Amino acid sequence: MISQKMIETIRADFALAWHGIHGFLHWQCVYNNGLRLAERTGAKVAVVELFAFLHDSKRVSNSRDPEHGARAAAFARSLRGTLITLDAADFELLAYACAYHTAGLTEADVTVQTCWDADRLDLGRCDIIPQPDRLCTGAAKDPAMIQWAVQQSMATPYVHEDR
């Protein structure tokens, strides 16, 4: 479960629009996608939940920002032992998922794959339909899951900004 303190900590230093395409509303969609996927993939829910709210938390641009995943992983490391209490193995899954979520990879531990799919399934916010060949898990590739996620994305009132 993501605590209010975690949300406040993330928000305190978030550089973009809170309700923008890489902000809180996106994280909520990724969270919803991740929980739905984890039911079918067996992913570690605590890792998926944390990924949802951390993976884009250190973006400084809505366009090209190739280091934001690495910054998110470093931010997660700074919270370890206080707001993040995962064991070492699960923490490494979280850090890896954050660091490489935009690298286009599809092979990894099922928990990492579930994190990446949860994010990729929210591309509807950018008017992009997720392509099954860019998803990792069978659960995410299911046409019904893609349709559900796209509907969720398109119904979310994102603030579009230029930063």
N, C-alpha and C. Protein backbone atom coordinates (compact mmCIF):
# COMPACT_ATOMS: atom_id res chain seq x y z
N MET A 1 0.84 -1.19 0.00
CA MET A 1 0.00 0.00 0.00
C MET A 1 0.89 1.25 0.00
N ILE A 2 0.55 2.19 -0.82
CA ILE A 2 1.28 3.44 -0.92
C ILE A 2 0.74 4.41 0.14
N SER A 3 1.61 4.88 1.00
CA SER A 3 1.19 5.76 2.09
C SER A 3 1.05 7.21 1.63
N GLN A 4 0.30 7.95 2.40
CA GLN A 4 0.17 9.39 2.14
C GLN A 4 1.54 10.07 2.24
N LYS A 5 2.35 9.62 3.18
CA LYS A 5 3.70 10.17 3.35
C LYS A 5 4.54 9.93 2.09
N MET A 6 4.39 8.76 1.47
CA MET A 6 5.11 8.47 0.22
C MET A 6 4.66 9.45 -0.87
N ILE A 7 3.36 9.64 -1.00
CA ILE A 7 2.84 10.57 -2.02
C ILE A 7 3.35 11.98 -1.76
N GLU A 8 3.32 12.41 -0.53
CA GLU A 8 3.81 13.76 -0.18
C GLU A 8 5.30 13.90 -0.48
N THR A 9 6.07 12.87 -0.21
CA THR A 9 7.51 12.90 -0.47
C THR A 9 7.78 12.99 -1.96
N ILE A 10 7.07 12.22 -2.75
CA ILE A 10 7.23 12.27 -4.20
C ILE A 10 6.83 13.64 -4.73
N ARG A 11 5.70 14.14 -4.28
CA ARG A 11 5.17 15.41 -4.79
C ARG A 11 6.07 16.58 -4.45
N ALA A 12 6.75 16.53 -3.33
CA ALA A 12 7.57 17.65 -2.87
C ALA A 12 8.63 18.06 -3.88
N ASP A 13 9.09 17.12 -4.68
CA ASP A 13 10.18 17.42 -5.62
C ASP A 13 9.81 17.09 -7.07
N PHE A 14 8.52 16.87 -7.34
CA PHE A 14 8.11 16.51 -8.70
C PHE A 14 8.15 17.75 -9.59
N ALA A 15 8.83 17.65 -10.72
CA ALA A 15 9.12 18.82 -11.57
C ALA A 15 8.03 19.14 -12.59
N LEU A 16 7.12 18.23 -12.83
CA LEU A 16 6.13 18.42 -13.89
C LEU A 16 4.75 18.68 -13.30
N ALA A 17 3.75 18.85 -14.17
CA ALA A 17 2.38 19.05 -13.71
C ALA A 17 1.90 17.80 -12.97
N TRP A 18 1.39 17.98 -11.77
CA TRP A 18 0.96 16.88 -10.93
C TRP A 18 -0.08 16.01 -11.64
N HIS A 19 -0.96 16.61 -12.40
CA HIS A 19 -2.00 15.87 -13.13
C HIS A 19 -1.68 15.74 -14.62
N GLY A 20 -0.40 15.89 -14.96
CA GLY A 20 0.04 15.77 -16.34
C GLY A 20 0.20 14.33 -16.79
N ILE A 21 0.66 14.16 -18.01
CA ILE A 21 0.72 12.82 -18.61
C ILE A 21 1.77 11.91 -17.98
N HIS A 22 2.68 12.46 -17.21
CA HIS A 22 3.64 11.64 -16.48
C HIS A 22 3.53 11.81 -14.97
N GLY A 23 2.41 12.34 -14.52
CA GLY A 23 2.21 12.62 -13.11
C GLY A 23 1.27 11.66 -12.40
N PHE A 24 0.68 12.15 -11.34
CA PHE A 24 -0.11 11.34 -10.40
C PHE A 24 -1.22 10.55 -11.07
N LEU A 25 -1.95 11.14 -12.01
CA LEU A 25 -3.03 10.42 -12.66
C LEU A 25 -2.49 9.23 -13.46
N HIS A 26 -1.35 9.43 -14.13
CA HIS A 26 -0.70 8.33 -14.84
C HIS A 26 -0.29 7.23 -13.85
N TRP A 27 0.28 7.62 -12.74
CA TRP A 27 0.72 6.64 -11.75
C TRP A 27 -0.47 5.82 -11.23
N GLN A 28 -1.61 6.49 -11.05
CA GLN A 28 -2.81 5.77 -10.61
C GLN A 28 -3.25 4.75 -11.66
N CYS A 29 -3.18 5.14 -12.93
CA CYS A 29 -3.54 4.19 -14.00
C CYS A 29 -2.55 3.02 -14.03
N VAL A 30 -1.27 3.31 -13.90
CA VAL A 30 -0.26 2.25 -13.87
C VAL A 30 -0.51 1.33 -12.67
N TYR A 31 -0.85 1.91 -11.55
CA TYR A 31 -1.19 1.15 -10.35
C TYR A 31 -2.36 0.20 -10.63
N ASN A 32 -3.44 0.74 -11.20
CA ASN A 32 -4.62 -0.08 -11.51
C ASN A 32 -4.26 -1.18 -12.51
N ASN A 33 -3.52 -0.82 -13.56
CA ASN A 33 -3.08 -1.82 -14.53
C ASN A 33 -2.25 -2.90 -13.85
N GLY A 34 -1.32 -2.47 -13.02
CA GLY A 34 -0.41 -3.39 -12.36
C GLY A 34 -1.12 -4.37 -11.45
N LEU A 35 -2.07 -3.88 -10.67
CA LEU A 35 -2.81 -4.78 -9.78
C LEU A 35 -3.62 -5.79 -10.57
N ARG A 36 -4.23 -5.32 -11.64
CA ARG A 36 -5.03 -6.22 -12.49
C ARG A 36 -4.13 -7.28 -13.13
N LEU A 37 -2.97 -6.85 -13.63
CA LEU A 37 -2.03 -7.80 -14.23
C LEU A 37 -1.48 -8.77 -13.20
N ALA A 38 -1.12 -8.27 -12.03
CA ALA A 38 -0.50 -9.12 -11.00
C ALA A 38 -1.40 -10.27 -10.59
N GLU A 39 -2.70 -10.07 -10.64
CA GLU A 39 -3.63 -11.16 -10.34
C GLU A 39 -3.41 -12.33 -11.29
N ARG A 40 -3.00 -12.04 -12.51
CA ARG A 40 -2.82 -13.09 -13.52
C ARG A 40 -1.37 -13.53 -13.68
N THR A 41 -0.42 -12.65 -13.37
CA THR A 41 0.99 -13.00 -13.59
C THR A 41 1.66 -13.56 -12.35
N GLY A 42 1.09 -13.31 -11.18
CA GLY A 42 1.73 -13.72 -9.94
C GLY A 42 2.85 -12.79 -9.50
N ALA A 43 2.91 -11.60 -10.08
CA ALA A 43 3.93 -10.61 -9.72
C ALA A 43 3.81 -10.22 -8.25
N LYS A 44 4.92 -9.74 -7.72
CA LYS A 44 4.96 -9.28 -6.33
C LYS A 44 4.28 -7.90 -6.26
N VAL A 45 3.12 -7.89 -5.63
CA VAL A 45 2.26 -6.71 -5.63
C VAL A 45 2.94 -5.49 -5.01
N ALA A 46 3.69 -5.67 -3.94
CA ALA A 46 4.34 -4.52 -3.30
C ALA A 46 5.31 -3.83 -4.26
N VAL A 47 6.01 -4.60 -5.05
CA VAL A 47 6.95 -4.02 -6.04
C VAL A 47 6.17 -3.29 -7.11
N VAL A 48 5.11 -3.90 -7.61
CA VAL A 48 4.29 -3.30 -8.66
C VAL A 48 3.68 -1.98 -8.18
N GLU A 49 3.19 -1.96 -6.95
CA GLU A 49 2.61 -0.73 -6.39
C GLU A 49 3.64 0.40 -6.31
N LEU A 50 4.79 0.08 -5.77
CA LEU A 50 5.83 1.10 -5.64
C LEU A 50 6.31 1.59 -7.01
N PHE A 51 6.49 0.67 -7.95
CA PHE A 51 6.88 1.06 -9.30
C PHE A 51 5.90 2.07 -9.88
N ALA A 52 4.62 1.82 -9.72
CA ALA A 52 3.60 2.69 -10.30
C ALA A 52 3.82 4.15 -9.90
N PHE A 53 4.17 4.38 -8.66
CA PHE A 53 4.28 5.76 -8.17
C PHE A 53 5.70 6.33 -8.24
N LEU A 54 6.67 5.48 -8.52
CA LEU A 54 8.06 5.97 -8.56
C LEU A 54 8.65 6.09 -9.97
N HIS A 55 8.21 5.29 -10.92
CA HIS A 55 8.92 5.15 -12.19
C HIS A 55 9.10 6.45 -12.96
N ASP A 56 8.15 7.36 -12.90
CA ASP A 56 8.26 8.65 -13.60
C ASP A 56 8.41 9.82 -12.64
N SER A 57 8.64 9.53 -11.38
CA SER A 57 8.65 10.58 -10.35
C SER A 57 9.81 11.56 -10.49
N LYS A 58 10.83 11.19 -11.23
CA LYS A 58 12.00 12.07 -11.39
C LYS A 58 12.15 12.59 -12.82
N ARG A 59 11.08 12.56 -13.57
CA ARG A 59 11.11 13.17 -14.91
C ARG A 59 11.25 14.68 -14.77
N VAL A 60 11.96 15.27 -15.70
CA VAL A 60 12.08 16.72 -15.76
C VAL A 60 11.52 17.26 -17.07
N SER A 61 11.04 16.36 -17.92
CA SER A 61 10.48 16.73 -19.21
C SER A 61 9.45 15.69 -19.61
N ASN A 62 8.41 16.13 -20.29
CA ASN A 62 7.44 15.18 -20.83
C ASN A 62 7.91 14.60 -22.15
N SER A 63 8.93 15.20 -22.74
CA SER A 63 9.48 14.65 -23.97
C SER A 63 10.70 13.80 -23.62
N ARG A 64 11.72 13.89 -24.37
CA ARG A 64 12.90 13.04 -24.18
C ARG A 64 13.57 13.32 -22.83
N ASP A 65 13.70 12.28 -22.03
CA ASP A 65 14.33 12.37 -20.72
C ASP A 65 14.92 10.99 -20.39
N PRO A 66 15.98 10.61 -21.11
CA PRO A 66 16.48 9.24 -21.03
C PRO A 66 17.00 8.80 -19.67
N GLU A 67 17.32 9.70 -18.79
CA GLU A 67 17.87 9.33 -17.49
C GLU A 67 16.84 9.30 -16.36
N HIS A 68 15.57 9.56 -16.69
CA HIS A 68 14.59 9.64 -15.61
C HIS A 68 14.38 8.31 -14.88
N GLY A 69 14.52 7.20 -15.58
CA GLY A 69 14.38 5.90 -14.91
C GLY A 69 15.50 5.65 -13.92
N ALA A 70 16.72 5.99 -14.32
CA ALA A 70 17.86 5.85 -13.40
C ALA A 70 17.70 6.77 -12.19
N ARG A 71 17.20 7.98 -12.44
CA ARG A 71 16.96 8.90 -11.31
C ARG A 71 15.88 8.35 -10.38
N ALA A 72 14.86 7.73 -10.96
CA ALA A 72 13.80 7.14 -10.13
C ALA A 72 14.35 5.99 -9.28
N ALA A 73 15.22 5.18 -9.87
CA ALA A 73 15.84 4.08 -9.11
C ALA A 73 16.70 4.64 -7.98
N ALA A 74 17.45 5.70 -8.25
CA ALA A 74 18.27 6.33 -7.20
C ALA A 74 17.39 6.92 -6.10
N PHE A 75 16.28 7.52 -6.50
CA PHE A 75 15.33 8.08 -5.53
C PHE A 75 14.78 6.95 -4.65
N ALA A 76 14.43 5.84 -5.26
CA ALA A 76 13.95 4.70 -4.49
C ALA A 76 15.00 4.25 -3.48
N ARG A 77 16.26 4.22 -3.91
CA ARG A 77 17.34 3.83 -2.99
C ARG A 77 17.40 4.78 -1.80
N SER A 78 17.14 6.07 -2.04
CA SER A 78 17.19 7.05 -0.94
C SER A 78 16.05 6.84 0.06
N LEU A 79 15.00 6.17 -0.36
CA LEU A 79 13.84 5.94 0.50
C LEU A 79 13.87 4.57 1.18
N ARG A 80 14.85 3.77 0.80
CA ARG A 80 14.95 2.41 1.34
C ARG A 80 15.23 2.46 2.84
N GLY A 81 14.48 1.67 3.56
CA GLY A 81 14.66 1.62 5.01
C GLY A 81 13.77 2.60 5.75
N THR A 82 13.17 3.53 5.03
CA THR A 82 12.22 4.46 5.66
C THR A 82 10.85 4.25 5.03
N LEU A 83 10.62 4.82 3.86
CA LEU A 83 9.32 4.67 3.21
C LEU A 83 9.23 3.39 2.37
N ILE A 84 10.36 2.82 2.04
CA ILE A 84 10.38 1.55 1.29
C ILE A 84 11.05 0.50 2.17
N THR A 85 10.29 -0.56 2.47
CA THR A 85 10.79 -1.59 3.38
C THR A 85 10.84 -2.97 2.73
N LEU A 86 11.02 -3.00 1.42
CA LEU A 86 11.14 -4.28 0.71
C LEU A 86 12.41 -5.00 1.13
N ASP A 87 12.40 -6.34 1.04
CA ASP A 87 13.65 -7.07 1.26
C ASP A 87 14.59 -6.80 0.09
N ALA A 88 15.83 -7.23 0.22
CA ALA A 88 16.86 -6.89 -0.77
C ALA A 88 16.51 -7.35 -2.17
N ALA A 89 16.02 -8.57 -2.31
CA ALA A 89 15.71 -9.11 -3.63
C ALA A 89 14.56 -8.34 -4.29
N ASP A 90 13.51 -8.07 -3.53
CA ASP A 90 12.38 -7.33 -4.09
C ASP A 90 12.77 -5.89 -4.40
N PHE A 91 13.61 -5.31 -3.56
CA PHE A 91 14.05 -3.94 -3.84
C PHE A 91 14.83 -3.88 -5.15
N GLU A 92 15.66 -4.86 -5.39
CA GLU A 92 16.43 -4.87 -6.65
C GLU A 92 15.50 -5.01 -7.86
N LEU A 93 14.42 -5.76 -7.73
CA LEU A 93 13.42 -5.83 -8.81
C LEU A 93 12.83 -4.45 -9.07
N LEU A 94 12.48 -3.74 -8.00
CA LEU A 94 11.93 -2.39 -8.13
C LEU A 94 12.92 -1.46 -8.81
N ALA A 95 14.15 -1.45 -8.34
CA ALA A 95 15.16 -0.54 -8.90
C ALA A 95 15.40 -0.85 -10.38
N TYR A 96 15.47 -2.12 -10.73
CA TYR A 96 15.69 -2.52 -12.13
C TYR A 96 14.49 -2.10 -12.99
N ALA A 97 13.29 -2.36 -12.49
CA ALA A 97 12.09 -1.99 -13.24
C ALA A 97 12.06 -0.49 -13.51
N CYS A 98 12.38 0.31 -12.51
CA CYS A 98 12.41 1.77 -12.69
C CYS A 98 13.49 2.18 -13.69
N ALA A 99 14.68 1.68 -13.48
CA ALA A 99 15.83 2.10 -14.29
C ALA A 99 15.65 1.79 -15.76
N TYR A 100 15.00 0.68 -16.08
CA TYR A 100 14.94 0.22 -17.47
C TYR A 100 13.54 0.24 -18.09
N HIS A 101 12.61 0.95 -17.48
CA HIS A 101 11.23 0.86 -17.98
C HIS A 101 11.03 1.49 -19.36
N THR A 102 11.94 2.32 -19.81
CA THR A 102 11.78 2.90 -21.16
C THR A 102 12.78 2.34 -22.15
N ALA A 103 13.48 1.29 -21.80
CA ALA A 103 14.50 0.72 -22.68
C ALA A 103 13.93 -0.19 -23.76
N GLY A 104 12.63 -0.45 -23.72
CA GLY A 104 12.01 -1.31 -24.72
C GLY A 104 12.22 -2.79 -24.49
N LEU A 105 12.74 -3.14 -23.33
CA LEU A 105 13.00 -4.54 -23.01
C LEU A 105 11.69 -5.29 -22.76
N THR A 106 11.70 -6.59 -23.00
CA THR A 106 10.53 -7.41 -22.69
C THR A 106 10.90 -8.65 -21.87
N GLU A 107 12.17 -8.94 -21.74
CA GLU A 107 12.62 -10.11 -20.98
C GLU A 107 13.13 -9.68 -19.62
N ALA A 108 12.56 -10.28 -18.57
CA ALA A 108 12.98 -9.97 -17.20
C ALA A 108 12.17 -10.87 -16.26
N ASP A 109 12.40 -10.72 -14.97
CA ASP A 109 11.58 -11.38 -13.96
C ASP A 109 10.12 -10.99 -14.19
N VAL A 110 9.19 -11.87 -13.91
CA VAL A 110 7.78 -11.61 -14.16
C VAL A 110 7.27 -10.37 -13.42
N THR A 111 7.82 -10.07 -12.26
CA THR A 111 7.40 -8.87 -11.54
C THR A 111 7.85 -7.62 -12.30
N VAL A 112 9.05 -7.62 -12.81
CA VAL A 112 9.54 -6.50 -13.62
C VAL A 112 8.71 -6.38 -14.90
N GLN A 113 8.45 -7.49 -15.54
CA GLN A 113 7.63 -7.48 -16.75
C GLN A 113 6.25 -6.89 -16.46
N THR A 114 5.68 -7.25 -15.34
CA THR A 114 4.37 -6.73 -14.96
C THR A 114 4.42 -5.23 -14.75
N CYS A 115 5.49 -4.75 -14.14
CA CYS A 115 5.66 -3.30 -13.97
C CYS A 115 5.71 -2.60 -15.33
N TRP A 116 6.56 -3.11 -16.21
CA TRP A 116 6.70 -2.49 -17.52
C TRP A 116 5.40 -2.51 -18.30
N ASP A 117 4.69 -3.64 -18.26
CA ASP A 117 3.41 -3.74 -18.96
C ASP A 117 2.39 -2.77 -18.38
N ALA A 118 2.37 -2.64 -17.07
CA ALA A 118 1.42 -1.73 -16.43
C ALA A 118 1.61 -0.31 -16.95
N ASP A 119 2.85 0.09 -17.13
CA ASP A 119 3.16 1.42 -17.66
C ASP A 119 2.79 1.50 -19.14
N ARG A 120 3.20 0.54 -19.92
CA ARG A 120 2.96 0.56 -21.37
C ARG A 120 1.48 0.51 -21.70
N LEU A 121 0.70 -0.12 -20.85
CA LEU A 121 -0.74 -0.19 -21.10
C LEU A 121 -1.43 1.16 -20.92
N ASP A 122 -0.74 2.14 -20.37
CA ASP A 122 -1.34 3.47 -20.21
C ASP A 122 -0.98 4.42 -21.35
N LEU A 123 -0.53 3.89 -22.46
CA LEU A 123 -0.18 4.74 -23.60
C LEU A 123 -1.40 5.39 -24.24
N GLY A 124 -2.58 4.92 -23.93
CA GLY A 124 -3.79 5.55 -24.44
C GLY A 124 -3.88 7.02 -24.08
N ARG A 125 -3.21 7.42 -22.99
CA ARG A 125 -3.20 8.83 -22.59
C ARG A 125 -2.53 9.70 -23.64
N CYS A 126 -1.71 9.09 -24.48
CA CYS A 126 -1.01 9.80 -25.57
C CYS A 126 -1.59 9.41 -26.93
N ASP A 127 -2.80 8.87 -26.90
CA ASP A 127 -3.48 8.41 -28.12
C ASP A 127 -2.71 7.33 -28.86
N ILE A 128 -2.03 6.48 -28.10
CA ILE A 128 -1.29 5.35 -28.66
C ILE A 128 -1.90 4.07 -28.11
N ILE A 129 -2.27 3.17 -29.01
CA ILE A 129 -2.79 1.87 -28.59
C ILE A 129 -1.58 0.96 -28.34
N PRO A 130 -1.46 0.39 -27.14
CA PRO A 130 -0.33 -0.51 -26.86
C PRO A 130 -0.30 -1.68 -27.85
N GLN A 131 0.88 -1.97 -28.35
CA GLN A 131 1.07 -3.06 -29.30
C GLN A 131 1.52 -4.33 -28.56
N PRO A 132 0.83 -5.44 -28.78
CA PRO A 132 1.17 -6.68 -28.06
C PRO A 132 2.64 -7.09 -28.18
N ASP A 133 3.28 -6.83 -29.32
CA ASP A 133 4.67 -7.25 -29.48
C ASP A 133 5.63 -6.42 -28.64
N ARG A 134 5.14 -5.33 -28.05
CA ARG A 134 5.98 -4.51 -27.17
C ARG A 134 5.65 -4.73 -25.70
N LEU A 135 4.73 -5.63 -25.45
CA LEU A 135 4.36 -5.99 -24.09
C LEU A 135 5.07 -7.28 -23.71
N CYS A 136 5.12 -7.55 -22.43
CA CYS A 136 5.92 -8.67 -21.92
C CYS A 136 5.12 -9.91 -21.59
N THR A 137 4.00 -9.74 -20.96
CA THR A 137 3.27 -10.88 -20.41
C THR A 137 2.05 -11.22 -21.25
N GLY A 138 1.66 -12.48 -21.17
CA GLY A 138 0.44 -12.91 -21.85
C GLY A 138 -0.77 -12.15 -21.33
N ALA A 139 -0.78 -11.86 -20.04
CA ALA A 139 -1.90 -11.12 -19.44
C ALA A 139 -2.04 -9.74 -20.08
N ALA A 140 -0.93 -9.05 -20.30
CA ALA A 140 -0.99 -7.72 -20.89
C ALA A 140 -1.33 -7.77 -22.37
N LYS A 141 -0.92 -8.83 -23.04
CA LYS A 141 -1.18 -8.97 -24.48
C LYS A 141 -2.63 -9.35 -24.79
N ASP A 142 -3.37 -9.75 -23.78
CA ASP A 142 -4.78 -10.12 -23.95
C ASP A 142 -5.54 -8.92 -24.50
N PRO A 143 -6.22 -9.07 -25.64
CA PRO A 143 -6.94 -7.93 -26.23
C PRO A 143 -7.94 -7.28 -25.26
N ALA A 144 -8.55 -8.07 -24.40
CA ALA A 144 -9.49 -7.50 -23.43
C ALA A 144 -8.77 -6.62 -22.42
N MET A 145 -7.57 -7.00 -22.01
CA MET A 145 -6.78 -6.18 -21.09
C MET A 145 -6.37 -4.88 -21.77
N ILE A 146 -5.90 -4.98 -23.00
CA ILE A 146 -5.50 -3.77 -23.73
C ILE A 146 -6.69 -2.83 -23.86
N GLN A 147 -7.84 -3.37 -24.24
CA GLN A 147 -9.04 -2.53 -24.39
C GLN A 147 -9.41 -1.87 -23.06
N TRP A 148 -9.41 -2.63 -21.98
CA TRP A 148 -9.74 -2.08 -20.66
C TRP A 148 -8.79 -0.96 -20.29
N ALA A 149 -7.49 -1.19 -20.49
CA ALA A 149 -6.48 -0.20 -20.12
C ALA A 149 -6.60 1.06 -20.97
N VAL A 150 -6.83 0.90 -22.25
CA VAL A 150 -6.97 2.07 -23.13
C VAL A 150 -8.20 2.88 -22.73
N GLN A 151 -9.28 2.22 -22.42
CA GLN A 151 -10.49 2.94 -21.97
C GLN A 151 -10.21 3.71 -20.69
N GLN A 152 -9.47 3.08 -19.76
CA GLN A 152 -9.11 3.75 -18.52
C GLN A 152 -8.25 4.99 -18.81
N SER A 153 -7.27 4.83 -19.70
CA SER A 153 -6.38 5.94 -20.06
C SER A 153 -7.14 7.10 -20.66
N MET A 154 -7.99 6.78 -21.60
CA MET A 154 -8.70 7.83 -22.33
C MET A 154 -9.75 8.52 -21.47
N ALA A 155 -10.21 7.87 -20.41
CA ALA A 155 -11.19 8.46 -19.52
C ALA A 155 -10.54 9.30 -18.41
N THR A 156 -9.22 9.25 -18.31
CA THR A 156 -8.51 9.98 -17.26
C THR A 156 -8.25 11.41 -17.72
N PRO A 157 -8.61 12.41 -16.91
CA PRO A 157 -8.50 13.81 -17.34
C PRO A 157 -7.09 14.40 -17.16
N TYR A 158 -6.18 13.93 -17.98
CA TYR A 158 -4.80 14.42 -17.91
C TYR A 158 -4.72 15.88 -18.33
N VAL A 159 -3.81 16.61 -17.69
CA VAL A 159 -3.47 17.97 -18.11
C VAL A 159 -2.30 17.83 -19.07
N HIS A 160 -2.47 18.32 -20.29
CA HIS A 160 -1.39 18.25 -21.27
C HIS A 160 -0.59 19.54 -21.20
N GLU A 161 0.71 19.40 -21.09
CA GLU A 161 1.62 20.53 -20.95
C GLU A 161 2.82 20.36 -21.85
N ASP A 162 3.61 21.37 -21.99
CA ASP A 162 4.75 21.32 -22.91
C ASP A 162 6.07 21.01 -22.26
N ARG A 163 6.18 21.04 -20.93
CA ARG A 163 7.46 20.83 -20.27
C ARG A 163 8.05 19.48 -20.53
